[in-house]
Amino acid sequence: EDIGPWLKSLQAFSSRLHWRSHFMQKLESEPELEKRDLCPAYQHLRRQEGDWNENRFQAWSSGKTGFPFVDACMRCLLQHG
């Protein structure tokens, strides 16, 4: 019996479980990771106080941002769920 394909699938699954466990442990030992980035260079990308723009949100949620790929994805999501 050839278990080659199954073995590769099981190894991939096992790897994902290990990474999942790793990050669960990381969040348990450093809960502040939910509020800050691992790489400080990206911290400025997080939402800041007062940066909410309702018009942009409405454009995004209705698929009318002006960015064709983003709009197509959102319209597909709206139509097909």
PDB file of N, CA and C in Angstrom:
ATOM      1  N   GLU A   1       0.849  -1.185   0.000  1.00  0.00           N
ATOM      2  CA  GLU A   1       0.000   0.000   0.000  1.00  0.00           C
ATOM      3  C   GLU A   1       0.892   1.246   0.000  1.00  0.00           C
ATOM      4  N   ASP A   2       0.598   2.189  -0.882  1.00  0.00           N
ATOM      5  CA  ASP A   2       1.381   3.424  -1.013  1.00  0.00           C
ATOM      6  C   ASP A   2       0.834   4.478  -0.062  1.00  0.00           C
ATOM      7  N   ILE A   3       1.601   4.823   0.977  1.00  0.00           N
ATOM      8  CA  ILE A   3       1.146   5.841   1.925  1.00  0.00           C
ATOM      9  C   ILE A   3       1.885   7.163   1.729  1.00  0.00           C
ATOM     10  N   GLY A   4       2.626   7.275   0.648  1.00  0.00           N
ATOM     11  CA  GLY A   4       3.385   8.488   0.377  1.00  0.00           C
ATOM     12  C   GLY A   4       2.578   9.768   0.472  1.00  0.00           C
ATOM     13  N   PRO A   5       1.474   9.882  -0.271  1.00  0.00           N
ATOM     14  CA  PRO A   5       0.682  11.113  -0.195  1.00  0.00           C
ATOM     15  C   PRO A   5       0.104  11.359   1.201  1.00  0.00           C
ATOM     16  N   TRP A   6      -0.316  10.271   1.868  1.00  0.00           N
ATOM     17  CA  TRP A   6      -0.860  10.433   3.210  1.00  0.00           C
ATOM     18  C   TRP A   6       0.201  10.895   4.189  1.00  0.00           C
ATOM     19  N   LEU A   7       1.390  10.351   4.047  1.00  0.00           N
ATOM     20  CA  LEU A   7       2.465  10.724   4.951  1.00  0.00           C
ATOM     21  C   LEU A   7       2.785  12.207   4.824  1.00  0.00           C
ATOM     22  N   LYS A   8       2.838  12.700   3.601  1.00  0.00           N
ATOM     23  CA  LYS A   8       3.120  14.127   3.379  1.00  0.00           C
ATOM     24  C   LYS A   8       2.011  14.985   3.991  1.00  0.00           C
ATOM     25  N   SER A   9       0.757  14.576   3.824  1.00  0.00           N
ATOM     26  CA  SER A   9      -0.373  15.316   4.397  1.00  0.00           C
ATOM     27  C   SER A   9      -0.315  15.308   5.920  1.00  0.00           C
ATOM     28  N   LEU A  10      -0.006  14.155   6.495  1.00  0.00           N
ATOM     29  CA  LEU A  10       0.079  14.067   7.955  1.00  0.00           C
ATOM     30  C   LEU A  10       1.226  14.908   8.506  1.00  0.00           C
ATOM     31  N   GLN A  11       2.340  14.950   7.796  1.00  0.00           N
ATOM     32  CA  GLN A  11       3.462  15.774   8.235  1.00  0.00           C
ATOM     33  C   GLN A  11       3.095  17.258   8.177  1.00  0.00           C
ATOM     34  N   ALA A  12       2.392  17.670   7.132  1.00  0.00           N
ATOM     35  CA  ALA A  12       1.955  19.063   7.019  1.00  0.00           C
ATOM     36  C   ALA A  12       0.985  19.407   8.157  1.00  0.00           C
ATOM     37  N   PHE A  13       0.053  18.509   8.444  1.00  0.00           N
ATOM     38  CA  PHE A  13      -0.900  18.722   9.531  1.00  0.00           C
ATOM     39  C   PHE A  13      -0.180  18.816  10.866  1.00  0.00           C
ATOM     40  N   SER A  14       0.758  17.926  11.086  1.00  0.00           N
ATOM     41  CA  SER A  14       1.532  17.934  12.327  1.00  0.00           C
ATOM     42  C   SER A  14       2.304  19.239  12.479  1.00  0.00           C
ATOM     43  N   SER A  15       2.878  19.711  11.389  1.00  0.00           N
ATOM     44  CA  SER A  15       3.611  20.967  11.427  1.00  0.00           C
ATOM     45  C   SER A  15       2.696  22.129  11.810  1.00  0.00           C
ATOM     46  N   ARG A  16       1.500  22.147  11.237  1.00  0.00           N
ATOM     47  CA  ARG A  16       0.545  23.217  11.564  1.00  0.00           C
ATOM     48  C   ARG A  16       0.141  23.157  13.037  1.00  0.00           C
ATOM     49  N   LEU A  17      -0.035  21.948  13.560  1.00  0.00           N
ATOM     50  CA  LEU A  17      -0.380  21.817  14.979  1.00  0.00           C
ATOM     51  C   LEU A  17       0.745  22.332  15.871  1.00  0.00           C
ATOM     52  N   HIS A  18       1.983  22.039  15.479  1.00  0.00           N
ATOM     53  CA  HIS A  18       3.114  22.529  16.269  1.00  0.00           C
ATOM     54  C   HIS A  18       3.165  24.052  16.271  1.00  0.00           C
ATOM     55  N   TRP A  19       2.979  24.676  15.104  1.00  0.00           N
ATOM     56  CA  TRP A  19       3.000  26.143  15.026  1.00  0.00           C
ATOM     57  C   TRP A  19       1.847  26.734  15.817  1.00  0.00           C
ATOM     58  N   ARG A  20       0.672  26.097  15.729  1.00  0.00           N
ATOM     59  CA  ARG A  20      -0.486  26.571  16.490  1.00  0.00           C
ATOM     60  C   ARG A  20      -0.169  26.552  17.979  1.00  0.00           C
ATOM     61  N   SER A  21       0.388  25.450  18.445  1.00  0.00           N
ATOM     62  CA  SER A  21       0.747  25.326  19.862  1.00  0.00           C
ATOM     63  C   SER A  21       1.795  26.360  20.247  1.00  0.00           C
ATOM     64  N   HIS A  22       2.745  26.579  19.358  1.00  0.00           N
ATOM     65  CA  HIS A  22       3.800  27.560  19.624  1.00  0.00           C
ATOM     66  C   HIS A  22       3.203  28.942  19.862  1.00  0.00           C
ATOM     67  N   PHE A  23       2.299  29.361  18.981  1.00  0.00           N
ATOM     68  CA  PHE A  23       1.738  30.698  19.112  1.00  0.00           C
ATOM     69  C   PHE A  23       0.744  30.799  20.258  1.00  0.00           C
ATOM     70  N   MET A  24       0.069  29.714  20.593  1.00  0.00           N
ATOM     71  CA  MET A  24      -0.798  29.725  21.774  1.00  0.00           C
ATOM     72  C   MET A  24       0.051  29.944  23.024  1.00  0.00           C
ATOM     73  N   GLN A  25       1.178  29.240  23.091  1.00  0.00           N
ATOM     74  CA  GLN A  25       2.067  29.396  24.234  1.00  0.00           C
ATOM     75  C   GLN A  25       2.656  30.800  24.266  1.00  0.00           C
ATOM     76  N   LYS A  26       3.001  31.329  23.095  1.00  0.00           N
ATOM     77  CA  LYS A  26       3.569  32.673  23.006  1.00  0.00           C
ATOM     78  C   LYS A  26       2.563  33.705  23.536  1.00  0.00           C
ATOM     79  N   LEU A  27       1.291  33.575  23.151  1.00  0.00           N
ATOM     80  CA  LEU A  27       0.272  34.507  23.629  1.00  0.00           C
ATOM     81  C   LEU A  27      -0.003  34.346  25.119  1.00  0.00           C
ATOM     82  N   GLU A  28       0.123  33.138  25.628  1.00  0.00           N
ATOM     83  CA  GLU A  28      -0.063  32.941  27.066  1.00  0.00           C
ATOM     84  C   GLU A  28       1.069  33.572  27.863  1.00  0.00           C
ATOM     85  N   SER A  29       2.288  33.471  27.345  1.00  0.00           N
ATOM     86  CA  SER A  29       3.425  34.016  28.083  1.00  0.00           C
ATOM     87  C   SER A  29       3.625  35.513  27.833  1.00  0.00           C
ATOM     88  N   GLU A  30       3.119  36.019  26.712  1.00  0.00           N
ATOM     89  CA  GLU A  30       3.233  37.441  26.392  1.00  0.00           C
ATOM     90  C   GLU A  30       1.894  37.974  25.876  1.00  0.00           C
ATOM     91  N   PRO A  31       0.899  38.127  26.746  1.00  0.00           N
ATOM     92  CA  PRO A  31      -0.432  38.536  26.296  1.00  0.00           C
ATOM     93  C   PRO A  31      -0.463  39.913  25.637  1.00  0.00           C
ATOM     94  N   GLU A  32       0.544  40.739  25.887  1.00  0.00           N
ATOM     95  CA  GLU A  32       0.574  42.066  25.260  1.00  0.00           C
ATOM     96  C   GLU A  32       0.783  41.999  23.746  1.00  0.00           C
ATOM     97  N   LEU A  33       1.105  40.801  23.233  1.00  0.00           N
ATOM     98  CA  LEU A  33       1.263  40.651  21.780  1.00  0.00           C
ATOM     99  C   LEU A  33      -0.027  40.933  21.024  1.00  0.00           C
ATOM    100  N   GLU A  34      -1.160  40.840  21.717  1.00  0.00           N
ATOM    101  CA  GLU A  34      -2.428  41.165  21.062  1.00  0.00           C
ATOM    102  C   GLU A  34      -2.525  42.650  20.776  1.00  0.00           C
ATOM    103  N   LYS A  35      -1.787  43.453  21.508  1.00  0.00           N
ATOM    104  CA  LYS A  35      -1.889  44.913  21.384  1.00  0.00           C
ATOM    105  C   LYS A  35      -0.675  45.548  20.716  1.00  0.00           C
ATOM    106  N   ARG A  36       0.393  44.781  20.510  1.00  0.00           N
ATOM    107  CA  ARG A  36       1.583  45.344  19.858  1.00  0.00           C
ATOM    108  C   ARG A  36       2.105  44.343  18.829  1.00  0.00           C
ATOM    109  N   ASP A  37       2.933  44.831  17.925  1.00  0.00           N
ATOM    110  CA  ASP A  37       3.473  43.991  16.864  1.00  0.00           C
ATOM    111  C   ASP A  37       4.785  43.340  17.286  1.00  0.00           C
ATOM    112  N   LEU A  38       5.048  42.166  16.723  1.00  0.00           N
ATOM    113  CA  LEU A  38       6.341  41.517  16.980  1.00  0.00           C
ATOM    114  C   LEU A  38       7.470  42.386  16.454  1.00  0.00           C
ATOM    115  N   CYS A  39       7.252  42.994  15.305  1.00  0.00           N
ATOM    116  CA  CYS A  39       8.247  43.882  14.710  1.00  0.00           C
ATOM    117  C   CYS A  39       7.790  45.329  14.937  1.00  0.00           C
ATOM    118  N   PRO A  40       8.501  46.097  15.759  1.00  0.00           N
ATOM    119  CA  PRO A  40       8.082  47.463  16.075  1.00  0.00           C
ATOM    120  C   PRO A  40       7.934  48.372  14.845  1.00  0.00           C
ATOM    121  N   ALA A  41       8.573  48.021  13.746  1.00  0.00           N
ATOM    122  CA  ALA A  41       8.479  48.848  12.543  1.00  0.00           C
ATOM    123  C   ALA A  41       7.062  48.907  11.995  1.00  0.00           C
ATOM    124  N   TYR A  42       6.209  47.941  12.354  1.00  0.00           N
ATOM    125  CA  TYR A  42       4.842  47.905  11.844  1.00  0.00           C
ATOM    126  C   TYR A  42       3.816  48.464  12.837  1.00  0.00           C
ATOM    127  N   GLN A  43       4.254  48.880  13.993  1.00  0.00           N
ATOM    128  CA  GLN A  43       3.333  49.338  15.022  1.00  0.00           C
ATOM    129  C   GLN A  43       2.480  50.515  14.537  1.00  0.00           C
ATOM    130  N   HIS A  44       3.026  51.371  13.703  1.00  0.00           N
ATOM    131  CA  HIS A  44       2.286  52.548  13.240  1.00  0.00           C
ATOM    132  C   HIS A  44       1.096  52.181  12.339  1.00  0.00           C
ATOM    133  N   LEU A  45       1.033  50.926  11.860  1.00  0.00           N
ATOM    134  CA  LEU A  45      -0.062  50.507  10.998  1.00  0.00           C
ATOM    135  C   LEU A  45      -1.331  50.158  11.781  1.00  0.00           C
ATOM    136  N   ARG A  46      -1.201  49.987  13.067  1.00  0.00           N
ATOM    137  CA  ARG A  46      -2.374  49.678  13.882  1.00  0.00           C
ATOM    138  C   ARG A  46      -3.268  50.907  13.978  1.00  0.00           C
ATOM    139  N   ARG A  47      -4.547  50.659  14.220  1.00  0.00           N
ATOM    140  CA  ARG A  47      -5.494  51.770  14.367  1.00  0.00           C
ATOM    141  C   ARG A  47      -5.079  52.655  15.530  1.00  0.00           C
ATOM    142  N   GLN A  48      -5.222  53.926  15.314  1.00  0.00           N
ATOM    143  CA  GLN A  48      -4.920  54.915  16.348  1.00  0.00           C
ATOM    144  C   GLN A  48      -6.215  55.619  16.739  1.00  0.00           C
ATOM    145  N   GLU A  49      -6.201  56.290  17.867  1.00  0.00           N
ATOM    146  CA  GLU A  49      -7.368  57.054  18.309  1.00  0.00           C
ATOM    147  C   GLU A  49      -7.709  58.106  17.254  1.00  0.00           C
ATOM    148  N   GLY A  50      -8.978  58.188  16.895  1.00  0.00           N
ATOM    149  CA  GLY A  50      -9.442  59.230  15.995  1.00  0.00           C
ATOM    150  C   GLY A  50      -9.183  58.996  14.519  1.00  0.00           C
ATOM    151  N   ASP A  51      -8.724  57.812  14.118  1.00  0.00           N
ATOM    152  CA  ASP A  51      -8.436  57.598  12.699  1.00  0.00           C
ATOM    153  C   ASP A  51      -9.577  56.914  11.946  1.00  0.00           C
ATOM    154  N   TRP A  52     -10.717  56.727  12.591  1.00  0.00           N
ATOM    155  CA  TRP A  52     -11.859  56.077  11.936  1.00  0.00           C
ATOM    156  C   TRP A  52     -12.469  57.023  10.917  1.00  0.00           C
ATOM    157  N   ASN A  53     -12.723  56.507   9.712  1.00  0.00           N
ATOM    158  CA  ASN A  53     -13.349  57.299   8.658  1.00  0.00           C
ATOM    159  C   ASN A  53     -14.570  56.520   8.164  1.00  0.00           C
ATOM    160  N   GLU A  54     -15.743  56.961   8.565  1.00  0.00           N
ATOM    161  CA  GLU A  54     -16.979  56.253   8.246  1.00  0.00           C
ATOM    162  C   GLU A  54     -17.207  56.168   6.740  1.00  0.00           C
ATOM    163  N   ASN A  55     -16.873  57.221   5.999  1.00  0.00           N
ATOM    164  CA  ASN A  55     -17.063  57.209   4.538  1.00  0.00           C
ATOM    165  C   ASN A  55     -16.206  56.134   3.872  1.00  0.00           C
ATOM    166  N   ARG A  56     -14.969  56.008   4.314  1.00  0.00           N
ATOM    167  CA  ARG A  56     -14.096  54.963   3.755  1.00  0.00           C
ATOM    168  C   ARG A  56     -14.610  53.576   4.107  1.00  0.00           C
ATOM    169  N   PHE A  57     -15.108  53.425   5.324  1.00  0.00           N
ATOM    170  CA  PHE A  57     -15.646  52.129   5.725  1.00  0.00           C
ATOM    171  C   PHE A  57     -16.849  51.763   4.867  1.00  0.00           C
ATOM    172  N   GLN A  58     -17.738  52.722   4.647  1.00  0.00           N
ATOM    173  CA  GLN A  58     -18.922  52.454   3.827  1.00  0.00           C
ATOM    174  C   GLN A  58     -18.520  52.108   2.393  1.00  0.00           C
ATOM    175  N   ALA A  59     -17.529  52.821   1.848  1.00  0.00           N
ATOM    176  CA  ALA A  59     -17.050  52.521   0.494  1.00  0.00           C
ATOM    177  C   ALA A  59     -16.467  51.114   0.437  1.00  0.00           C
ATOM    178  N   TRP A  60     -15.684  50.746   1.439  1.00  0.00           N
ATOM    179  CA  TRP A  60     -15.087  49.412   1.467  1.00  0.00           C
ATOM    180  C   TRP A  60     -16.166  48.341   1.598  1.00  0.00           C
ATOM    181  N   SER A  61     -17.095  48.553   2.534  1.00  0.00           N
ATOM    182  CA  SER A  61     -18.082  47.513   2.795  1.00  0.00           C
ATOM    183  C   SER A  61     -19.098  47.358   1.670  1.00  0.00           C
ATOM    184  N   SER A  62     -19.190  48.337   0.788  1.00  0.00           N
ATOM    185  CA  SER A  62     -20.111  48.210  -0.349  1.00  0.00           C
ATOM    186  C   SER A  62     -19.376  47.930  -1.661  1.00  0.00           C
ATOM    187  N   GLY A  63     -18.050  47.815  -1.607  1.00  0.00           N
ATOM    188  CA  GLY A  63     -17.277  47.505  -2.812  1.00  0.00           C
ATOM    189  C   GLY A  63     -17.130  48.689  -3.741  1.00  0.00           C
ATOM    190  N   LYS A  64     -16.939  49.874  -3.170  1.00  0.00           N
ATOM    191  CA  LYS A  64     -16.822  51.091  -3.980  1.00  0.00           C
ATOM    192  C   LYS A  64     -15.641  51.946  -3.537  1.00  0.00           C
ATOM    193  N   THR A  65     -14.481  51.307  -3.359  1.00  0.00           N
ATOM    194  CA  THR A  65     -13.297  52.039  -2.905  1.00  0.00           C
ATOM    195  C   THR A  65     -12.556  52.724  -4.037  1.00  0.00           C
ATOM    196  N   GLY A  66     -12.744  52.235  -5.247  1.00  0.00           N
ATOM    197  CA  GLY A  66     -11.959  52.744  -6.369  1.00  0.00           C
ATOM    198  C   GLY A  66     -10.756  51.869  -6.672  1.00  0.00           C
ATOM    199  N   PHE A  67     -10.527  50.854  -5.844  1.00  0.00           N
ATOM    200  CA  PHE A  67      -9.468  49.882  -6.086  1.00  0.00           C
ATOM    201  C   PHE A  67     -10.140  48.638  -6.655  1.00  0.00           C
ATOM    202  N   PRO A  68      -9.981  48.385  -7.965  1.00  0.00           N
ATOM    203  CA  PRO A  68     -10.755  47.334  -8.631  1.00  0.00           C
ATOM    204  C   PRO A  68     -10.687  45.960  -7.971  1.00  0.00           C
ATOM    205  N   PHE A  69      -9.520  45.536  -7.569  1.00  0.00           N
ATOM    206  CA  PHE A  69      -9.405  44.197  -6.976  1.00  0.00           C
ATOM    207  C   PHE A  69     -10.145  44.126  -5.638  1.00  0.00           C
ATOM    208  N   VAL A  70      -9.948  45.142  -4.813  1.00  0.00           N
ATOM    209  CA  VAL A  70     -10.620  45.189  -3.511  1.00  0.00           C
ATOM    210  C   VAL A  70     -12.127  45.219  -3.704  1.00  0.00           C
ATOM    211  N   ASP A  71     -12.587  46.055  -4.629  1.00  0.00           N
ATOM    212  CA  ASP A  71     -14.026  46.171  -4.880  1.00  0.00           C
ATOM    213  C   ASP A  71     -14.611  44.867  -5.407  1.00  0.00           C
ATOM    214  N   ALA A  72     -13.898  44.214  -6.318  1.00  0.00           N
ATOM    215  CA  ALA A  72     -14.390  42.948  -6.873  1.00  0.00           C
ATOM    216  C   ALA A  72     -14.502  41.885  -5.783  1.00  0.00           C
ATOM    217  N   CYS A  73     -13.511  41.821  -4.902  1.00  0.00           N
ATOM    218  CA  CYS A  73     -13.553  40.843  -3.802  1.00  0.00           C
ATOM    219  C   CYS A  73     -14.731  41.117  -2.873  1.00  0.00           C
ATOM    220  N   MET A  74     -14.930  42.376  -2.533  1.00  0.00           N
ATOM    221  CA  MET A  74     -16.023  42.703  -1.613  1.00  0.00           C
ATOM    222  C   MET A  74     -17.371  42.450  -2.262  1.00  0.00           C
ATOM    223  N   ARG A  75     -17.526  42.793  -3.516  1.00  0.00           N
ATOM    224  CA  ARG A  75     -18.796  42.549  -4.200  1.00  0.00           C
ATOM    225  C   ARG A  75     -19.093  41.050  -4.301  1.00  0.00           C
ATOM    226  N   CYS A  76     -18.059  40.268  -4.559  1.00  0.00           N
ATOM    227  CA  CYS A  76     -18.226  38.815  -4.591  1.00  0.00           C
ATOM    228  C   CYS A  76     -18.664  38.301  -3.226  1.00  0.00           C
ATOM    229  N   LEU A  77     -18.024  38.801  -2.169  1.00  0.00           N
ATOM    230  CA  LEU A  77     -18.386  38.400  -0.808  1.00  0.00           C
ATOM    231  C   LEU A  77     -19.823  38.782  -0.501  1.00  0.00           C
ATOM    232  N   LEU A  78     -20.209  39.984  -0.891  1.00  0.00           N
ATOM    233  CA  LEU A  78     -21.577  40.436  -0.634  1.00  0.00           C
ATOM    234  C   LEU A  78     -22.607  39.588  -1.384  1.00  0.00           C
ATOM    235  N   GLN A  79     -22.273  39.206  -2.606  1.00  0.00           N
ATOM    236  CA  GLN A  79     -23.233  38.454  -3.409  1.00  0.00           C
ATOM    237  C   GLN A  79     -23.301  36.978  -3.027  1.00  0.00           C
ATOM    238  N   HIS A  80     -22.143  36.390  -2.751  1.00  0.00           N
ATOM    239  CA  HIS A  80     -22.096  34.942  -2.539  1.00  0.00           C
ATOM    240  C   HIS A  80     -21.904  34.527  -1.078  1.00  0.00           C
ATOM    241  N   GLY A  81     -21.556  35.467  -0.240  1.00  0.00           N
ATOM    242  CA  GLY A  81     -21.358  35.153   1.178  1.00  0.00           C
ATOM    243  C   GLY A  81     -20.049  34.548   1.504  1.00  0.00           C
TER     244      GLY A  81
END
